[in-house]
Amino acid sequence: MNEKRIQQVVDIEKQAQQIHDKAVAEAERIPLEAEQEAQALLEQARTEAQAEARALIAKAQAQDEVNAILADAQTKIQDINITAQANMSRAVNYVLNRVVGRE
């Protein structure tokens, strides 16, 4: 009976050692996994930030192009208005001269 108890104690010690070894292995594995996950999250955040930055730059460049086109259009409109005003004066004078019979 005593040998049976000794064998049970030895078996329990073996089980305890296996549990301890398993716990130590897991304790070593968990920080490595956490670091890998953190690196993956950082890389994903960096990738997303770069994509967002590219999108913002593209949008800003598009807005700059729109502003340049609008400025060019405004300049052309002003030139046309100036020309129209000059031609309007000439046209009015021509019509008045025709009505009065000078031309």
C-alpha atoms as a PDB file:
ATOM      1  CA  MET A   1       0.000   0.000   0.000  1.00  0.00           C
ATOM      2  CA  ASN A   2       2.868   2.297   0.799  1.00  0.00           C
ATOM      3  CA  GLU A   3       4.427   1.738  -2.645  1.00  0.00           C
ATOM      4  CA  LYS A   4       1.085   2.544  -4.201  1.00  0.00           C
ATOM      5  CA  ARG A   5       1.034   5.870  -2.345  1.00  0.00           C
ATOM      6  CA  ILE A   6       4.615   6.597  -3.345  1.00  0.00           C
ATOM      7  CA  GLN A   7       3.751   5.854  -6.983  1.00  0.00           C
ATOM      8  CA  GLN A   8       0.720   8.160  -6.755  1.00  0.00           C
ATOM      9  CA  VAL A   9       2.912  10.941  -5.328  1.00  0.00           C
ATOM     10  CA  VAL A  10       5.461  10.409  -8.112  1.00  0.00           C
ATOM     11  CA  ASP A  11       2.699  10.522 -10.719  1.00  0.00           C
ATOM     12  CA  ILE A  12       1.279  13.683  -9.189  1.00  0.00           C
ATOM     13  CA  GLU A  13       4.745  15.252  -9.177  1.00  0.00           C
ATOM     14  CA  LYS A  14       5.174  14.334 -12.849  1.00  0.00           C
ATOM     15  CA  GLN A  15       1.808  15.877 -13.643  1.00  0.00           C
ATOM     16  CA  ALA A  16       2.722  18.969 -11.640  1.00  0.00           C
ATOM     17  CA  GLN A  17       6.040  19.225 -13.497  1.00  0.00           C
ATOM     18  CA  GLN A  18       4.246  18.898 -16.866  1.00  0.00           C
ATOM     19  CA  ILE A  19       1.763  21.585 -15.853  1.00  0.00           C
ATOM     20  CA  HIS A  20       4.633  23.796 -14.680  1.00  0.00           C
ATOM     21  CA  ASP A  21       6.580  23.256 -17.919  1.00  0.00           C
ATOM     22  CA  LYS A  22       3.467  24.011 -19.952  1.00  0.00           C
ATOM     23  CA  ALA A  23       2.840  27.197 -17.950  1.00  0.00           C
ATOM     24  CA  VAL A  24       6.460  28.338 -18.381  1.00  0.00           C
ATOM     25  CA  ALA A  25       6.281  27.698 -22.147  1.00  0.00           C
ATOM     26  CA  GLU A  26       3.031  29.642 -22.390  1.00  0.00           C
ATOM     27  CA  ALA A  27       4.447  32.460 -20.280  1.00  0.00           C
ATOM     28  CA  GLU A  28       7.354  32.721 -22.729  1.00  0.00           C
ATOM     29  CA  ARG A  29       5.076  32.523 -25.770  1.00  0.00           C
ATOM     30  CA  ILE A  30       2.524  35.157 -24.717  1.00  0.00           C
ATOM     31  CA  PRO A  31       4.903  38.179 -24.766  1.00  0.00           C
ATOM     32  CA  LEU A  32       6.232  37.132 -28.177  1.00  0.00           C
ATOM     33  CA  GLU A  33       2.723  36.860 -29.588  1.00  0.00           C
ATOM     34  CA  ALA A  34       1.774  40.187 -28.025  1.00  0.00           C
ATOM     35  CA  GLU A  35       4.808  41.845 -29.596  1.00  0.00           C
ATOM     36  CA  GLN A  36       4.011  40.321 -32.991  1.00  0.00           C
ATOM     37  CA  GLU A  37       0.404  41.482 -32.756  1.00  0.00           C
ATOM     38  CA  ALA A  38       1.555  44.962 -31.727  1.00  0.00           C
ATOM     39  CA  GLN A  39       3.936  45.098 -34.704  1.00  0.00           C
ATOM     40  CA  ALA A  40       1.137  43.981 -37.016  1.00  0.00           C
ATOM     41  CA  LEU A  41      -1.187  46.660 -35.623  1.00  0.00           C
ATOM     42  CA  LEU A  42       1.511  49.315 -36.004  1.00  0.00           C
ATOM     43  CA  GLU A  43       2.153  48.279 -39.592  1.00  0.00           C
ATOM     44  CA  GLN A  44      -1.567  48.330 -40.356  1.00  0.00           C
ATOM     45  CA  ALA A  45      -1.948  51.771 -38.756  1.00  0.00           C
ATOM     46  CA  ARG A  46       1.085  53.035 -40.702  1.00  0.00           C
ATOM     47  CA  THR A  47      -0.332  51.677 -43.962  1.00  0.00           C
ATOM     48  CA  GLU A  48      -3.730  53.241 -43.317  1.00  0.00           C
ATOM     49  CA  ALA A  49      -2.155  56.570 -42.355  1.00  0.00           C
ATOM     50  CA  GLN A  50      -0.063  56.595 -45.529  1.00  0.00           C
ATOM     51  CA  ALA A  51      -3.126  55.816 -47.648  1.00  0.00           C
ATOM     52  CA  GLU A  52      -5.087  58.582 -45.963  1.00  0.00           C
ATOM     53  CA  ALA A  53      -2.191  61.010 -46.430  1.00  0.00           C
ATOM     54  CA  ARG A  54      -1.987  60.144 -50.132  1.00  0.00           C
ATOM     55  CA  ALA A  55      -5.739  60.688 -50.475  1.00  0.00           C
ATOM     56  CA  LEU A  56      -5.538  64.069 -48.731  1.00  0.00           C
ATOM     57  CA  ILE A  57      -2.613  65.145 -50.900  1.00  0.00           C
ATOM     58  CA  ALA A  58      -4.457  64.091 -54.047  1.00  0.00           C
ATOM     59  CA  LYS A  59      -7.546  65.981 -52.905  1.00  0.00           C
ATOM     60  CA  ALA A  60      -5.481  69.068 -52.125  1.00  0.00           C
ATOM     61  CA  GLN A  61      -3.781  68.904 -55.513  1.00  0.00           C
ATOM     62  CA  ALA A  62      -7.149  68.520 -57.231  1.00  0.00           C
ATOM     63  CA  GLN A  63      -8.434  71.535 -55.297  1.00  0.00           C
ATOM     64  CA  ASP A  64      -5.375  73.519 -56.368  1.00  0.00           C
ATOM     65  CA  GLU A  65      -6.064  72.608 -59.993  1.00  0.00           C
ATOM     66  CA  VAL A  66      -9.707  73.623 -59.613  1.00  0.00           C
ATOM     67  CA  ASN A  67      -8.641  76.949 -58.094  1.00  0.00           C
ATOM     68  CA  ALA A  68      -6.186  77.564 -60.955  1.00  0.00           C
ATOM     69  CA  ILE A  69      -8.866  76.780 -63.562  1.00  0.00           C
ATOM     70  CA  LEU A  70     -11.348  79.083 -61.804  1.00  0.00           C
ATOM     71  CA  ALA A  71      -8.793  81.893 -61.617  1.00  0.00           C
ATOM     72  CA  ASP A  72      -8.039  81.472 -65.330  1.00  0.00           C
ATOM     73  CA  ALA A  73     -11.752  81.488 -66.148  1.00  0.00           C
ATOM     74  CA  GLN A  74     -12.286  84.643 -64.071  1.00  0.00           C
ATOM     75  CA  THR A  75      -9.452  86.370 -65.931  1.00  0.00           C
ATOM     76  CA  LYS A  76     -10.935  85.408 -69.290  1.00  0.00           C
ATOM     77  CA  ILE A  77     -14.384  86.597 -68.203  1.00  0.00           C
ATOM     78  CA  GLN A  78     -12.932  89.965 -67.162  1.00  0.00           C
ATOM     79  CA  ASP A  79     -11.130  90.277 -70.513  1.00  0.00           C
ATOM     80  CA  ILE A  80     -14.347  89.455 -72.370  1.00  0.00           C
ATOM     81  CA  ASN A  81     -16.285  92.015 -70.305  1.00  0.00           C
ATOM     82  CA  ILE A  82     -13.707  94.702 -71.036  1.00  0.00           C
ATOM     83  CA  THR A  83     -13.820  93.895 -74.744  1.00  0.00           C
ATOM     84  CA  ALA A  84     -17.627  93.816 -74.665  1.00  0.00           C
ATOM     85  CA  GLN A  85     -17.779  97.208 -72.983  1.00  0.00           C
ATOM     86  CA  ALA A  86     -15.476  98.697 -75.612  1.00  0.00           C
ATOM     87  CA  ASN A  87     -17.476  97.121 -78.435  1.00  0.00           C
ATOM     88  CA  MET A  88     -20.748  98.232 -76.836  1.00  0.00           C
ATOM     89  CA  SER A  89     -19.680 101.852 -76.970  1.00  0.00           C
ATOM     90  CA  ARG A  90     -18.689 101.468 -80.612  1.00  0.00           C
ATOM     91  CA  ALA A  91     -21.948  99.672 -81.418  1.00  0.00           C
ATOM     92  CA  VAL A  92     -24.063 102.366 -79.749  1.00  0.00           C
ATOM     93  CA  ASN A  93     -22.197 105.085 -81.649  1.00  0.00           C
ATOM     94  CA  TYR A  94     -22.669 103.185 -84.917  1.00  0.00           C
ATOM     95  CA  VAL A  95     -26.410 102.746 -84.330  1.00  0.00           C
ATOM     96  CA  LEU A  96     -26.836 106.388 -83.341  1.00  0.00           C
ATOM     97  CA  ASN A  97     -24.928 107.497 -86.432  1.00  0.00           C
ATOM     98  CA  ARG A  98     -27.091 105.256 -88.607  1.00  0.00           C
ATOM     99  CA  VAL A  99     -30.259 106.589 -87.049  1.00  0.00           C
ATOM    100  CA  VAL A 100     -29.161 110.190 -87.454  1.00  0.00           C
ATOM    101  CA  GLY A 101     -28.054 109.390 -90.992  1.00  0.00           C
ATOM    102  CA  ARG A 102     -24.372 110.108 -90.697  1.00  0.00           C
ATOM    103  CA  GLU A 103     -23.402 106.664 -92.000  1.00  0.00           C
END
